[in-house]
Amino acid sequence: MAELMIDAVVFDVLGTLVDEPAGLRAGISAFARVSALEAPGTERLLLLWQRHIEREQRRIVDGDRPYLPSDALDREAAEIVARTAGAEDPAAVASLARAARRLPPWPDTVAGLARLAGHFPLIGLSNASRTALLELNAHAGLRWHQALSAEDTRTYKPDPAVYRLAVTVAGLPPERLLMVAAHAWDLRGAQALGLRTAYVARPVGDPPTSSDRFDLYAEDLADLADQLGVS
């Protein structure tokens, strides 16, 4: 698009490039098998995990709790799930916590990143810790020129400091960066700092509201590449 002058693309990871609920669901199911649970209620346990992470990250952003990396929050979530399911074997809980690093990519993710990487520097910007992000990228086969963790800012998106990290590393004006996410709240955070924005639809994302005005709306990464004029 001629009117959208972009020099680098910044990607959210969790939910946008990898199917986070599917990976956590698989981890919870494996935990249930190992723990010989008859009726663990996987979807209910998944919701407990997701709500804990969302609530505690928000508390950290709001200054109501000292910073903890995503690994520690995942361990807390795994312990909550285990207690609720009535199984607390330490080894099984530790394995369950690592499910947050074993998330499958969406079907279009790997090819889409490869296509875009031939035309733009790609920056991953995730709330996942540095260690978790390394393992997550390797497991899902994600291709980056640079992967950045919110851990370096000791807060979480949508705190402006996280988006500022990408701007600083890129060495570009914010308006020359395109933030891509399946979460409208994430794009609003980037938009507030001056980044251009692209919403990519995912089944587990946070859809835009009628008041949102993002630069691009894409069905998937192939559609995004088409809109950016990438062959």
C-alpha atoms as a PDB file:
ATOM      1  CA  MET A   1       0.000   0.000   0.000  1.00  0.00           C
ATOM      2  CA  ALA A   2       1.567   3.207  -1.164  1.00  0.00           C
ATOM      3  CA  GLU A   3      -0.050   5.328   1.572  1.00  0.00           C
ATOM      4  CA  LEU A   4       1.268   3.048   4.354  1.00  0.00           C
ATOM      5  CA  MET A   5       5.015   3.626   4.510  1.00  0.00           C
ATOM      6  CA  ILE A   6       6.406   0.848   6.678  1.00  0.00           C
ATOM      7  CA  ASP A   7      10.057  -0.046   7.339  1.00  0.00           C
ATOM      8  CA  ALA A   8       9.588  -2.897   9.840  1.00  0.00           C
ATOM      9  CA  VAL A   9       6.804  -5.160  11.092  1.00  0.00           C
ATOM     10  CA  VAL A  10       6.256  -5.913  14.780  1.00  0.00           C
ATOM     11  CA  PHE A  11       4.266  -9.022  15.676  1.00  0.00           C
ATOM     12  CA  ASP A  12       2.438 -10.016  18.787  1.00  0.00           C
ATOM     13  CA  VAL A  13       3.065 -13.731  19.346  1.00  0.00           C
ATOM     14  CA  LEU A  14       0.596 -15.294  21.794  1.00  0.00           C
ATOM     15  CA  GLY A  15      -2.732 -15.749  20.059  1.00  0.00           C
ATOM     16  CA  THR A  16      -1.608 -13.937  16.915  1.00  0.00           C
ATOM     17  CA  LEU A  17       1.016 -16.372  15.630  1.00  0.00           C
ATOM     18  CA  VAL A  18       0.443 -19.341  17.912  1.00  0.00           C
ATOM     19  CA  ASP A  19      -2.776 -20.938  19.143  1.00  0.00           C
ATOM     20  CA  GLU A  20      -2.270 -20.407  22.860  1.00  0.00           C
ATOM     21  CA  PRO A  21      -5.520 -22.054  24.050  1.00  0.00           C
ATOM     22  CA  ALA A  22      -4.809 -25.175  21.974  1.00  0.00           C
ATOM     23  CA  GLY A  23      -1.347 -25.565  23.509  1.00  0.00           C
ATOM     24  CA  LEU A  24      -2.589 -25.016  27.051  1.00  0.00           C
ATOM     25  CA  ARG A  25      -5.516 -27.352  26.447  1.00  0.00           C
ATOM     26  CA  ALA A  26      -3.121 -30.076  25.305  1.00  0.00           C
ATOM     27  CA  GLY A  27      -0.978 -29.537  28.396  1.00  0.00           C
ATOM     28  CA  ILE A  28      -3.974 -29.725  30.712  1.00  0.00           C
ATOM     29  CA  SER A  29      -5.210 -32.902  29.010  1.00  0.00           C
ATOM     30  CA  ALA A  30      -1.762 -34.501  29.349  1.00  0.00           C
ATOM     31  CA  PHE A  31      -1.670 -33.478  33.016  1.00  0.00           C
ATOM     32  CA  ALA A  32      -5.068 -35.098  33.547  1.00  0.00           C
ATOM     33  CA  ARG A  33      -3.861 -38.364  32.015  1.00  0.00           C
ATOM     34  CA  VAL A  34      -0.670 -38.458  34.061  1.00  0.00           C
ATOM     35  CA  SER A  35      -2.601 -37.605  37.220  1.00  0.00           C
ATOM     36  CA  ALA A  36      -5.304 -40.205  36.425  1.00  0.00           C
ATOM     37  CA  LEU A  37      -8.096 -37.669  36.707  1.00  0.00           C
ATOM     38  CA  GLU A  38     -11.458 -38.957  35.540  1.00  0.00           C
ATOM     39  CA  ALA A  39     -13.314 -35.706  34.844  1.00  0.00           C
ATOM     40  CA  PRO A  40     -10.922 -32.745  34.969  1.00  0.00           C
ATOM     41  CA  GLY A  41     -13.116 -30.376  32.957  1.00  0.00           C
ATOM     42  CA  THR A  42     -10.426 -29.196  30.553  1.00  0.00           C
ATOM     43  CA  GLU A  43     -12.263 -26.092  29.352  1.00  0.00           C
ATOM     44  CA  ARG A  44     -13.004 -24.943  32.885  1.00  0.00           C
ATOM     45  CA  LEU A  45      -9.371 -25.430  33.882  1.00  0.00           C
ATOM     46  CA  LEU A  46      -8.211 -23.584  30.764  1.00  0.00           C
ATOM     47  CA  LEU A  47     -10.420 -20.646  31.690  1.00  0.00           C
ATOM     48  CA  LEU A  48      -8.965 -20.601  35.206  1.00  0.00           C
ATOM     49  CA  TRP A  49      -5.459 -20.450  33.738  1.00  0.00           C
ATOM     50  CA  GLN A  50      -6.306 -17.675  31.269  1.00  0.00           C
ATOM     51  CA  ARG A  51      -8.110 -15.564  33.839  1.00  0.00           C
ATOM     52  CA  HIS A  52      -5.216 -15.825  36.283  1.00  0.00           C
ATOM     53  CA  ILE A  53      -2.669 -14.692  33.696  1.00  0.00           C
ATOM     54  CA  GLU A  54      -4.847 -11.836  32.475  1.00  0.00           C
ATOM     55  CA  ARG A  55      -5.631 -10.637  35.998  1.00  0.00           C
ATOM     56  CA  GLU A  56      -2.076 -10.819  37.322  1.00  0.00           C
ATOM     57  CA  GLN A  57      -0.502  -9.156  34.285  1.00  0.00           C
ATOM     58  CA  ARG A  58      -3.009  -6.339  34.632  1.00  0.00           C
ATOM     59  CA  ARG A  59      -2.155  -5.985  38.333  1.00  0.00           C
ATOM     60  CA  ILE A  60       1.523  -5.692  37.432  1.00  0.00           C
ATOM     61  CA  VAL A  61       0.838  -3.091  34.729  1.00  0.00           C
ATOM     62  CA  ASP A  62      -1.292  -1.127  37.194  1.00  0.00           C
ATOM     63  CA  GLY A  63       1.455  -1.257  39.830  1.00  0.00           C
ATOM     64  CA  ASP A  64      -0.601  -3.366  42.227  1.00  0.00           C
ATOM     65  CA  ARG A  65       1.899  -6.226  42.206  1.00  0.00           C
ATOM     66  CA  PRO A  66       5.702  -6.388  41.797  1.00  0.00           C
ATOM     67  CA  TYR A  67       6.876  -7.620  38.431  1.00  0.00           C
ATOM     68  CA  LEU A  68       7.154 -11.343  37.832  1.00  0.00           C
ATOM     69  CA  PRO A  69       8.131 -12.884  34.458  1.00  0.00           C
ATOM     70  CA  SER A  70       5.609 -14.947  32.545  1.00  0.00           C
ATOM     71  CA  ASP A  71       7.300 -18.182  33.683  1.00  0.00           C
ATOM     72  CA  ALA A  72       6.376 -17.437  37.299  1.00  0.00           C
ATOM     73  CA  LEU A  73       2.804 -16.496  36.406  1.00  0.00           C
ATOM     74  CA  ASP A  74       2.448 -19.689  34.356  1.00  0.00           C
ATOM     75  CA  ARG A  75       3.672 -21.687  37.346  1.00  0.00           C
ATOM     76  CA  GLU A  76       1.046 -19.995  39.520  1.00  0.00           C
ATOM     77  CA  ALA A  77      -1.635 -20.781  36.931  1.00  0.00           C
ATOM     78  CA  ALA A  78      -0.509 -24.405  36.732  1.00  0.00           C
ATOM     79  CA  GLU A  79      -0.695 -24.727  40.523  1.00  0.00           C
ATOM     80  CA  ILE A  80      -4.226 -23.305  40.521  1.00  0.00           C
ATOM     81  CA  VAL A  81      -5.268 -25.757  37.819  1.00  0.00           C
ATOM     82  CA  ALA A  82      -3.664 -28.647  39.687  1.00  0.00           C
ATOM     83  CA  ARG A  83      -5.314 -27.779  42.997  1.00  0.00           C
ATOM     84  CA  THR A  84      -8.691 -27.378  41.314  1.00  0.00           C
ATOM     85  CA  ALA A  85      -8.267 -30.760  39.631  1.00  0.00           C
ATOM     86  CA  GLY A  86      -7.244 -32.353  42.918  1.00  0.00           C
ATOM     87  CA  ALA A  87      -3.725 -33.329  41.843  1.00  0.00           C
ATOM     88  CA  GLU A  88      -0.570 -31.582  43.022  1.00  0.00           C
ATOM     89  CA  ASP A  89       2.376 -33.821  42.067  1.00  0.00           C
ATOM     90  CA  PRO A  90       5.289 -31.335  41.784  1.00  0.00           C
ATOM     91  CA  ALA A  91       6.789 -32.920  38.665  1.00  0.00           C
ATOM     92  CA  ALA A  92       3.434 -33.014  36.883  1.00  0.00           C
ATOM     93  CA  VAL A  93       2.731 -29.389  37.842  1.00  0.00           C
ATOM     94  CA  ALA A  94       6.147 -28.294  36.532  1.00  0.00           C
ATOM     95  CA  SER A  95       5.458 -30.059  33.242  1.00  0.00           C
ATOM     96  CA  LEU A  96       2.026 -28.458  33.063  1.00  0.00           C
ATOM     97  CA  ALA A  97       3.526 -24.986  33.546  1.00  0.00           C
ATOM     98  CA  ARG A  98       5.815 -25.582  30.560  1.00  0.00           C
ATOM     99  CA  ALA A  99       2.767 -26.127  28.351  1.00  0.00           C
ATOM    100  CA  ALA A 100       2.786 -22.350  27.896  1.00  0.00           C
ATOM    101  CA  ARG A 101       5.969 -22.797  25.846  1.00  0.00           C
ATOM    102  CA  ARG A 102       4.611 -25.573  23.629  1.00  0.00           C
ATOM    103  CA  LEU A 103       2.066 -23.713  21.533  1.00  0.00           C
ATOM    104  CA  PRO A 104       1.268 -24.693  17.935  1.00  0.00           C
ATOM    105  CA  PRO A 105       1.490 -22.107  15.158  1.00  0.00           C
ATOM    106  CA  TRP A 106      -1.599 -21.195  13.185  1.00  0.00           C
ATOM    107  CA  PRO A 107      -1.633 -22.904   9.747  1.00  0.00           C
ATOM    108  CA  ASP A 108      -0.618 -19.711   7.916  1.00  0.00           C
ATOM    109  CA  THR A 109       1.992 -18.494  10.409  1.00  0.00           C
ATOM    110  CA  VAL A 110       5.252 -20.079   9.242  1.00  0.00           C
ATOM    111  CA  ALA A 111       4.705 -19.431   5.542  1.00  0.00           C
ATOM    112  CA  GLY A 112       3.365 -15.947   6.233  1.00  0.00           C
ATOM    113  CA  LEU A 113       6.384 -14.929   8.308  1.00  0.00           C
ATOM    114  CA  ALA A 114       8.760 -16.327   5.700  1.00  0.00           C
ATOM    115  CA  ARG A 115       7.016 -14.341   2.979  1.00  0.00           C
ATOM    116  CA  LEU A 116       7.086 -11.088   4.936  1.00  0.00           C
ATOM    117  CA  ALA A 117      10.671 -11.623   6.136  1.00  0.00           C
ATOM    118  CA  GLY A 118      11.881 -11.290   2.569  1.00  0.00           C
ATOM    119  CA  HIS A 119      10.662  -7.692   2.465  1.00  0.00           C
ATOM    120  CA  PHE A 120      10.691  -6.319   6.008  1.00  0.00           C
ATOM    121  CA  PRO A 121      12.677  -6.748   9.217  1.00  0.00           C
ATOM    122  CA  LEU A 122      10.414  -8.769  11.510  1.00  0.00           C
ATOM    123  CA  ILE A 123      10.307  -8.115  15.261  1.00  0.00           C
ATOM    124  CA  GLY A 124       8.488 -10.371  17.708  1.00  0.00           C
ATOM    125  CA  LEU A 125       7.149  -8.462  20.723  1.00  0.00           C
ATOM    126  CA  SER A 126       5.720 -10.741  23.384  1.00  0.00           C
ATOM    127  CA  ASN A 127       4.605 -10.754  26.988  1.00  0.00           C
ATOM    128  CA  ALA A 128       6.348 -14.135  27.239  1.00  0.00           C
ATOM    129  CA  SER A 129       9.620 -14.113  29.182  1.00  0.00           C
ATOM    130  CA  ARG A 130      12.936 -14.286  27.338  1.00  0.00           C
ATOM    131  CA  THR A 131      13.382 -17.964  28.193  1.00  0.00           C
ATOM    132  CA  ALA A 132       9.800 -18.859  27.335  1.00  0.00           C
ATOM    133  CA  LEU A 133       9.979 -16.907  24.089  1.00  0.00           C
ATOM    134  CA  LEU A 134      13.103 -18.762  23.005  1.00  0.00           C
ATOM    135  CA  GLU A 135      11.487 -22.162  23.520  1.00  0.00           C
ATOM    136  CA  LEU A 136       8.163 -21.022  22.104  1.00  0.00           C
ATOM    137  CA  ASN A 137       9.797 -19.699  18.918  1.00  0.00           C
ATOM    138  CA  ALA A 138      11.732 -22.931  18.448  1.00  0.00           C
ATOM    139  CA  HIS A 139       8.707 -25.138  19.068  1.00  0.00           C
ATOM    140  CA  ALA A 140       6.464 -23.237  16.660  1.00  0.00           C
ATOM    141  CA  GLY A 141       9.155 -22.638  14.027  1.00  0.00           C
ATOM    142  CA  LEU A 142       8.795 -18.853  14.094  1.00  0.00           C
ATOM    143  CA  ARG A 143      11.184 -16.807  11.973  1.00  0.00           C
ATOM    144  CA  TRP A 144      12.406 -13.499  13.342  1.00  0.00           C
ATOM    145  CA  HIS A 145      15.099 -10.947  12.745  1.00  0.00           C
ATOM    146  CA  GLN A 146      14.663  -9.937  16.390  1.00  0.00           C
ATOM    147  CA  ALA A 147      12.512 -11.323  19.208  1.00  0.00           C
ATOM    148  CA  LEU A 148      11.804  -8.993  22.124  1.00  0.00           C
ATOM    149  CA  SER A 149      10.333  -9.876  25.491  1.00  0.00           C
ATOM    150  CA  ALA A 150       8.329  -7.598  27.753  1.00  0.00           C
ATOM    151  CA  GLU A 151      10.606  -8.945  30.479  1.00  0.00           C
ATOM    152  CA  ASP A 152      13.175  -6.352  29.395  1.00  0.00           C
ATOM    153  CA  THR A 153      10.790  -3.612  30.530  1.00  0.00           C
ATOM    154  CA  ARG A 154       9.636  -5.414  33.690  1.00  0.00           C
ATOM    155  CA  THR A 155       6.007  -4.849  32.791  1.00  0.00           C
ATOM    156  CA  TYR A 156       3.508  -6.179  30.263  1.00  0.00           C
ATOM    157  CA  LYS A 157       1.625  -4.973  27.251  1.00  0.00           C
ATOM    158  CA  PRO A 158      -0.302  -2.735  26.943  1.00  0.00           C
ATOM    159  CA  ASP A 159       2.140  -0.675  29.024  1.00  0.00           C
ATOM    160  CA  PRO A 160       3.710   1.891  26.624  1.00  0.00           C
ATOM    161  CA  ALA A 161       7.190   0.827  27.752  1.00  0.00           C
ATOM    162  CA  VAL A 162       6.841  -2.493  25.917  1.00  0.00           C
ATOM    163  CA  TYR A 163       6.010  -0.890  22.570  1.00  0.00           C
ATOM    164  CA  ARG A 164       8.728   1.687  23.139  1.00  0.00           C
ATOM    165  CA  LEU A 165      11.175  -1.215  23.392  1.00  0.00           C
ATOM    166  CA  ALA A 166      10.391  -2.208  19.791  1.00  0.00           C
ATOM    167  CA  VAL A 167      10.710   1.384  18.615  1.00  0.00           C
ATOM    168  CA  THR A 168      14.086   1.753  20.310  1.00  0.00           C
ATOM    169  CA  VAL A 169      15.462  -1.515  18.966  1.00  0.00           C
ATOM    170  CA  ALA A 170      14.237  -0.775  15.450  1.00  0.00           C
ATOM    171  CA  GLY A 171      15.801   2.682  15.524  1.00  0.00           C
ATOM    172  CA  LEU A 172      12.859   4.046  13.556  1.00  0.00           C
ATOM    173  CA  PRO A 173      10.104   6.586  14.140  1.00  0.00           C
ATOM    174  CA  PRO A 174       7.020   4.841  15.581  1.00  0.00           C
ATOM    175  CA  GLU A 175       4.973   5.591  12.480  1.00  0.00           C
ATOM    176  CA  ARG A 176       7.390   3.528  10.372  1.00  0.00           C
ATOM    177  CA  LEU A 177       6.579   0.401  12.386  1.00  0.00           C
ATOM    178  CA  LEU A 178       3.514  -1.748  11.766  1.00  0.00           C
ATOM    179  CA  MET A 179       2.195  -3.574  14.832  1.00  0.00           C
ATOM    180  CA  VAL A 180       0.334  -6.768  13.940  1.00  0.00           C
ATOM    181  CA  ALA A 181      -1.926  -8.479  16.468  1.00  0.00           C
ATOM    182  CA  ALA A 182      -5.123 -10.458  16.855  1.00  0.00           C
ATOM    183  CA  HIS A 183      -5.959  -8.444  19.975  1.00  0.00           C
ATOM    184  CA  ALA A 184      -7.560  -5.033  19.622  1.00  0.00           C
ATOM    185  CA  TRP A 185      -6.346  -4.055  23.112  1.00  0.00           C
ATOM    186  CA  ASP A 186      -2.765  -4.731  21.978  1.00  0.00           C
ATOM    187  CA  LEU A 187      -3.169  -2.617  18.863  1.00  0.00           C
ATOM    188  CA  ARG A 188      -4.670   0.222  20.861  1.00  0.00           C
ATOM    189  CA  GLY A 189      -1.581   0.199  23.083  1.00  0.00           C
ATOM    190  CA  ALA A 190       0.717   0.384  20.069  1.00  0.00           C
ATOM    191  CA  GLN A 191      -1.444   3.014  18.411  1.00  0.00           C
ATOM    192  CA  ALA A 192      -1.196   5.247  21.475  1.00  0.00           C
ATOM    193  CA  LEU A 193       2.573   5.345  20.999  1.00  0.00           C
ATOM    194  CA  GLY A 194       2.276   6.227  17.319  1.00  0.00           C
ATOM    195  CA  LEU A 195       2.785   2.829  15.665  1.00  0.00           C
ATOM    196  CA  ARG A 196       0.729   1.868  12.626  1.00  0.00           C
ATOM    197  CA  THR A 197      -1.567  -1.065  13.251  1.00  0.00           C
ATOM    198  CA  ALA A 198      -2.870  -4.193  11.526  1.00  0.00           C
ATOM    199  CA  TYR A 199      -5.535  -6.471  12.955  1.00  0.00           C
ATOM    200  CA  VAL A 200      -5.328 -10.143  11.964  1.00  0.00           C
ATOM    201  CA  ALA A 201      -8.428 -12.180  12.687  1.00  0.00           C
ATOM    202  CA  ARG A 202      -7.956 -15.261  14.873  1.00  0.00           C
ATOM    203  CA  PRO A 203     -10.587 -17.430  16.589  1.00  0.00           C
ATOM    204  CA  VAL A 204      -9.065 -16.658  19.996  1.00  0.00           C
ATOM    205  CA  GLY A 205      -8.320 -12.967  19.527  1.00  0.00           C
ATOM    206  CA  ASP A 206      -9.925  -9.779  20.806  1.00  0.00           C
ATOM    207  CA  PRO A 207     -11.921  -8.375  17.855  1.00  0.00           C
ATOM    208  CA  PRO A 208     -12.019  -4.630  17.167  1.00  0.00           C
ATOM    209  CA  THR A 209     -14.987  -2.602  18.326  1.00  0.00           C
ATOM    210  CA  SER A 210     -16.929  -0.221  16.121  1.00  0.00           C
ATOM    211  CA  SER A 211     -14.850   2.659  17.484  1.00  0.00           C
ATOM    212  CA  ASP A 212     -11.468   1.135  16.595  1.00  0.00           C
ATOM    213  CA  ARG A 213      -9.662   2.551  13.571  1.00  0.00           C
ATOM    214  CA  PHE A 214      -6.693   0.399  12.601  1.00  0.00           C
ATOM    215  CA  ASP A 215      -4.683   0.847   9.406  1.00  0.00           C
ATOM    216  CA  LEU A 216      -5.213  -2.670   8.092  1.00  0.00           C
ATOM    217  CA  TYR A 217      -7.648  -5.522   8.711  1.00  0.00           C
ATOM    218  CA  ALA A 218      -6.507  -8.927   7.464  1.00  0.00           C
ATOM    219  CA  GLU A 219      -8.047 -12.389   7.382  1.00  0.00           C
ATOM    220  CA  ASP A 220      -4.637 -14.042   7.892  1.00  0.00           C
ATOM    221  CA  LEU A 221      -0.940 -13.431   7.213  1.00  0.00           C
ATOM    222  CA  ALA A 222      -1.314 -14.181   3.518  1.00  0.00           C
ATOM    223  CA  ASP A 223      -3.962 -11.479   3.270  1.00  0.00           C
ATOM    224  CA  LEU A 224      -1.737  -9.124   5.272  1.00  0.00           C
ATOM    225  CA  ALA A 225       1.172  -9.755   2.878  1.00  0.00           C
ATOM    226  CA  ASP A 226      -1.099  -9.081  -0.089  1.00  0.00           C
ATOM    227  CA  GLN A 227      -2.246  -5.791   1.408  1.00  0.00           C
ATOM    228  CA  LEU A 228       1.388  -4.784   2.016  1.00  0.00           C
ATOM    229  CA  GLY A 229       2.237  -5.555  -1.601  1.00  0.00           C
ATOM    230  CA  VAL A 230       4.499  -8.477  -0.730  1.00  0.00           C
ATOM    231  CA  SER A 231       4.725 -11.031  -3.529  1.00  0.00           C
END
